Structure formats: structure tokens, C-alpha cells
Protein backbone atom coordinates (compact mmCIF):
# COMPACT_ATOMS: atom_id res chain seq x y z
CA MET A 1 1.78 12.74 -4.04
CA GLN A 2 0.79 12.38 -0.38
CA SER A 3 -1.24 15.66 0.10
CA ARG A 4 -3.01 14.89 -3.37
CA TRP A 5 -3.52 10.86 -1.71
CA GLU A 6 -5.21 12.82 1.58
CA GLN A 7 -6.96 15.17 -0.78
CA TYR A 8 -8.70 11.98 -2.89
CA VAL A 9 -9.70 10.05 0.44
CA SER A 10 -11.10 12.99 2.25
CA ALA A 11 -13.38 13.57 -1.56
CA ALA A 12 -14.14 9.61 -1.78
CA ARG A 13 -14.97 9.83 1.90
CA LYS A 14 -17.25 12.22 1.24
CA CYS A 15 -19.08 10.50 -1.40
CA CYS A 16 -20.71 8.28 1.08
CA PRO A 17 -22.53 8.47 4.96
CA ALA A 18 -20.03 7.02 7.68
CA ASP A 19 -22.53 4.21 7.95
CA PHE A 20 -21.84 2.62 4.49
CA TRP A 21 -18.11 3.44 5.04
CA ARG A 22 -18.19 1.37 8.35
CA VAL A 23 -20.69 -1.53 6.52
CA PHE A 24 -18.22 -1.55 3.66
CA GLN A 25 -15.11 -1.51 5.68
CA THR A 26 -16.61 -5.05 7.32
CA VAL A 27 -16.99 -6.48 3.87
CA GLN A 28 -14.04 -5.26 2.32
CA GLY A 29 -11.99 -8.48 2.23
CA GLU A 30 -15.51 -10.55 1.15
CA ALA A 31 -15.75 -11.49 -2.60
CA VAL A 32 -16.92 -8.76 -4.47
CA THR A 33 -20.13 -10.87 -4.92
CA CYS A 34 -20.41 -11.35 -1.01
CA ARG A 35 -20.15 -7.49 -0.85
CA ASP A 36 -22.67 -6.60 -3.51
CA LYS A 37 -24.98 -8.27 -1.73
CA VAL A 38 -24.83 -7.09 1.60
CA LEU A 39 -24.53 -3.39 0.67
CA HIS A 40 -27.95 -3.76 -1.63
CA VAL A 41 -29.73 -5.59 1.62
CA VAL A 42 -28.68 -3.19 3.64
CA LYS A 43 -29.43 0.13 1.60
CA ASP A 44 -32.92 -2.06 1.49
CA VAL A 45 -33.19 -2.21 5.07
CA LEU A 46 -32.35 1.37 5.89
CA ALA A 47 -34.18 2.95 3.11
CA THR A 48 -37.40 0.67 4.37
CA GLN A 49 -36.65 1.79 7.88
CA TYR A 50 -35.72 5.62 7.54
CA ARG A 51 -38.06 6.23 4.07
CA SER A 52 -35.54 8.09 2.64
CA LYS A 53 -33.38 8.38 -0.21
CA LEU A 54 -30.00 6.97 0.84
CA ARG A 55 -26.49 7.42 -0.78
CA TRP A 56 -25.79 4.36 -0.31
CA PRO A 57 -24.32 2.50 -3.51
CA ARG A 58 -25.62 -1.21 -4.12
CA SER A 59 -22.03 -2.59 -5.69
CA THR A 60 -19.19 -2.32 -5.39
CA ARG A 61 -18.84 -1.45 -9.44
CA THR A 62 -21.38 1.70 -8.07
CA LEU A 63 -19.13 2.67 -5.94
CA ARG A 64 -15.99 2.87 -8.03
CA GLN A 65 -18.04 4.64 -10.43
CA LEU A 66 -19.10 7.05 -7.73
CA VAL A 67 -16.01 7.94 -6.63
CA CYS A 68 -14.24 8.23 -9.92
CA ARG A 69 -16.93 11.04 -10.85
CA ARG A 70 -16.78 12.85 -7.59
CA ALA A 71 -13.04 12.71 -6.41
CA GLY A 72 -11.19 11.53 -9.72
CA THR A 73 -8.37 9.26 -10.15
CA PHE A 74 -5.84 8.54 -8.10
CA TRP A 75 -3.95 5.55 -8.69
CA GLU A 76 -3.39 6.62 -12.32
CA SER A 77 -0.72 8.58 -10.76
CA VAL A 78 1.41 5.98 -9.13
CA THR A 79 0.57 3.11 -11.04
CA ILE A 80 3.59 2.13 -13.89
CA THR A 81 3.08 0.04 -16.85
CA LYS A 82 5.64 -1.70 -18.03
CA ARG A 83 5.76 -3.98 -21.44
CA ILE A 84 8.28 -7.06 -21.82
CA ASP A 85 8.99 -8.49 -25.54
CA LEU A 86 8.70 -12.07 -25.88
CA ARG A 87 8.82 -11.87 -29.65
CA SER A 88 12.68 -13.64 -29.10
CA TYR A 89 10.89 -16.38 -27.39
CA ARG A 90 8.01 -17.55 -30.23
CA LEU A 91 5.68 -18.22 -28.16
CA PRO A 92 2.10 -19.03 -30.28
CA GLY A 93 -0.22 -16.00 -29.69
CA CYS A 94 1.95 -14.52 -27.15
CA GLU A 95 4.28 -11.39 -28.66
CA TYR A 96 4.39 -9.26 -25.17
CA VAL A 97 3.37 -9.19 -21.53
CA HIS A 98 1.85 -6.30 -20.39
CA PHE A 99 1.47 -5.73 -16.11
CA SER A 100 1.31 -2.59 -13.99
CA PHE A 101 2.26 -1.94 -10.63
CA ILE A 102 2.03 0.68 -7.73
CA ASP A 103 5.11 2.78 -7.30
CA PRO A 104 7.66 0.95 -4.38
CA VAL A 105 8.76 4.31 -3.69
CA TYR A 106 5.17 5.85 -3.27
CA VAL A 107 4.29 2.81 -1.27
CA TRP A 108 7.96 3.12 1.10
CA ILE A 109 6.73 6.67 1.64
CA CYS A 110 3.42 5.70 2.96
CA ARG A 111 4.71 3.03 5.22
CA CYS A 112 7.21 5.61 6.36
CA ASN A 113 4.48 7.72 7.02
CA ASP A 114 2.22 4.81 8.87
CA LEU A 115 5.34 3.96 10.81
CA HIS A 116 5.70 7.56 11.85
CA LYS A 117 1.76 7.99 13.05
CA GLN A 118 2.58 4.78 15.20
CA LYS A 119 5.38 6.82 17.05
CA LEU A 120 7.69 4.38 15.54
CA SER A 121 11.47 5.78 15.25
CA LEU A 122 12.66 6.03 11.94
CA GLN A 123 16.61 5.62 11.76
CA TRP A 124 18.55 7.52 9.05
CA ASP A 125 21.98 7.53 10.62
CA ALA A 126 24.62 5.01 10.83
CA LYS A 127 26.33 4.44 14.21
CA ILE A 128 28.44 1.94 15.44
CA LEU A 129 28.26 -0.01 19.10
CA THR A 130 31.09 -0.93 20.76
CA HIS A 131 32.10 -3.11 24.14
CA PRO A 132 32.09 -0.70 26.66
CA SER A 133 35.24 -2.61 27.97
CA THR A 134 36.97 -4.21 24.74
CA GLY A 135 35.92 -1.42 22.48
CA GLU A 136 35.60 -4.46 20.01
CA GLU A 137 32.40 -3.92 17.62
CA MET A 138 28.64 -5.38 18.58
CA TYR A 139 26.28 -5.96 15.86
CA GLY A 140 22.44 -6.62 17.24
CA ALA A 141 21.33 -3.35 19.06
CA GLY A 142 19.36 -1.95 16.05
CA PHE A 143 19.15 -1.48 12.54
CA GLU A 144 21.33 2.10 12.63
CA TYR A 145 24.10 -0.23 13.61
CA SER A 146 24.01 -2.33 10.82
CA LEU A 147 26.52 -2.65 8.10
CA LEU A 148 23.83 -2.34 5.37
CA LEU A 149 22.95 1.09 6.60
CA ARG A 150 26.97 2.18 7.40
CA GLU A 151 27.53 1.19 3.48
CA ALA A 152 24.20 2.59 2.05
CA SER A 153 25.28 5.75 3.77
CA ALA A 154 28.58 6.00 2.79
CA SER A 155 27.73 5.64 -0.84
CA ILE A 156 25.48 8.97 -1.02
CA PRO A 157 26.25 12.41 -1.03
CA ASP A 158 27.02 14.16 2.30
CA GLY A 159 23.98 15.57 3.69
CA ALA A 160 21.66 13.10 2.12
CA LYS A 161 19.89 10.26 3.88
CA ALA A 162 19.98 6.61 2.86
CA GLY A 163 16.15 5.45 2.48
CA LEU A 164 16.19 1.81 2.86
CA PHE A 165 13.72 -0.23 1.48
CA ASN A 166 13.08 -4.03 0.80
CA ILE A 167 10.65 -5.21 -2.07
CA SER A 168 9.74 -9.50 -1.64
CA TRP A 169 7.54 -11.92 -2.86
CA ASP A 170 4.67 -12.57 -0.63
CA SER A 171 4.31 -16.16 -2.23
CA GLY A 172 0.80 -15.89 -2.50
CA VAL A 173 -0.48 -16.41 0.66
CA THR A 174 -2.61 -13.66 1.21
CA GLY A 175 -5.98 -15.27 1.09
CA PHE A 176 -6.49 -14.43 -3.09
CA GLY A 177 -8.18 -17.50 -3.77
CA GLY A 178 -7.86 -19.45 -6.86
CA ARG A 179 -5.98 -16.31 -8.59
CA SER A 180 -2.66 -16.70 -10.43
CA ALA A 181 -0.94 -13.73 -8.91
CA VAL A 182 1.71 -13.17 -6.23
CA PRO A 183 1.91 -10.10 -4.39
CA ILE A 184 4.84 -8.37 -3.50
CA CYS A 185 5.18 -6.44 -0.24
CA VAL A 186 7.50 -3.53 -0.05
CA ARG A 187 9.26 -3.10 3.41
CA VAL A 188 10.57 0.27 5.20
CA SER A 189 14.12 -1.23 6.54
CA ALA A 190 15.27 1.97 8.59
CA CYS A 191 12.88 1.34 11.35
CA LEU A 192 12.95 0.86 14.55
CA CYS A 193 10.63 -0.12 17.38
CA ALA A 194 10.31 2.85 20.16
């Protein structure tokens, strides 16, 4: 899946010139209407200045369509869709709720790769730290000395490694304005700063 993601990103990147992606990255966190206005104006300015036809989408929708045509789709491969049956609650007009989310294992793998690229060490093996004089067990020196990793490692087959992660609610404090969505954060638990 990681190789497929890299191929998808490479193909998507080739859909537009590097300057487009610089502009798009700058406005990516803005509202869609703001992004679309900026893309529209910048294309007009550049087309006038260089008197040439640019591969420069004027809107986020056009960009999505272009990427879909040339690079294909990727997110369907890692998106899970579920349906919850609410009929027993007899809610007027609502029998089912459908929702989709990115596979947390895929997100976890991406985060592990990012940490590795940043030269942060991932700890897979549990260790025990003891006081040099008393031999008393000590904690707090890092994830590899935790009871969590020790117990997880003991509960899996010999030779396997425990890949721990946690999923937490982000309480919606992520600047989504009036949206009623609550993002979920996937964290890699087996990380130590180098």
C-alpha cells in the first residue's frame, strides 16, 4: 500500500507544474472558496504574464478531477465504510447511519514512516530498567521500559513485534469552523525521540 501511495503521489504531482503546488500548499488550509479564488487569479496573472496556456486548475474541484483522470484513485483502497443499524431505536426518518474513515492501521504505518524519516527511533522490544545499586525496577526512561510494551510483547507469538498505537478523539479543536465532525488522531506509541 505504501508503494501504491508513492506512485499515486508521484502521478498526482505530475498533473500540475511545481509552482501550482507551491501556491496550492500555501492556501490548502483555507476555505474552498478562498482556494478557488486564489487559483483562478494566479492562473490569470501567469497566463497574461507568460502568454501561454498553463496546466493550472482554476478550482479545487477541477484539480480533483484532473488528478482522478491522470493518477487514478487511492483513498478508496484505504477507506473503510460502515453502516450502523438504528432501527431498534425507532428514530423518525433515520434507520441507518453510514460513515467512512481511513484505515487506522494504514495511518499508523504512514506515521511510523514519517518518524523513521525524521530519524526518530521506534522501539519494538520491551526492556527492564533497574537501579544500579538496589536492583529495584525503575520507570520513566522511555517507552521500551513501559509495562504496556512488556505486556503486549508477552501476549504475541515468539519472534513477532508489538506495533502499538492509540486512537484518540481530537475534540474538534482543529479549525473546521462550523462543521460537526470530530477528527480522530492516530498516534504511534512505539516512539522515542533520538
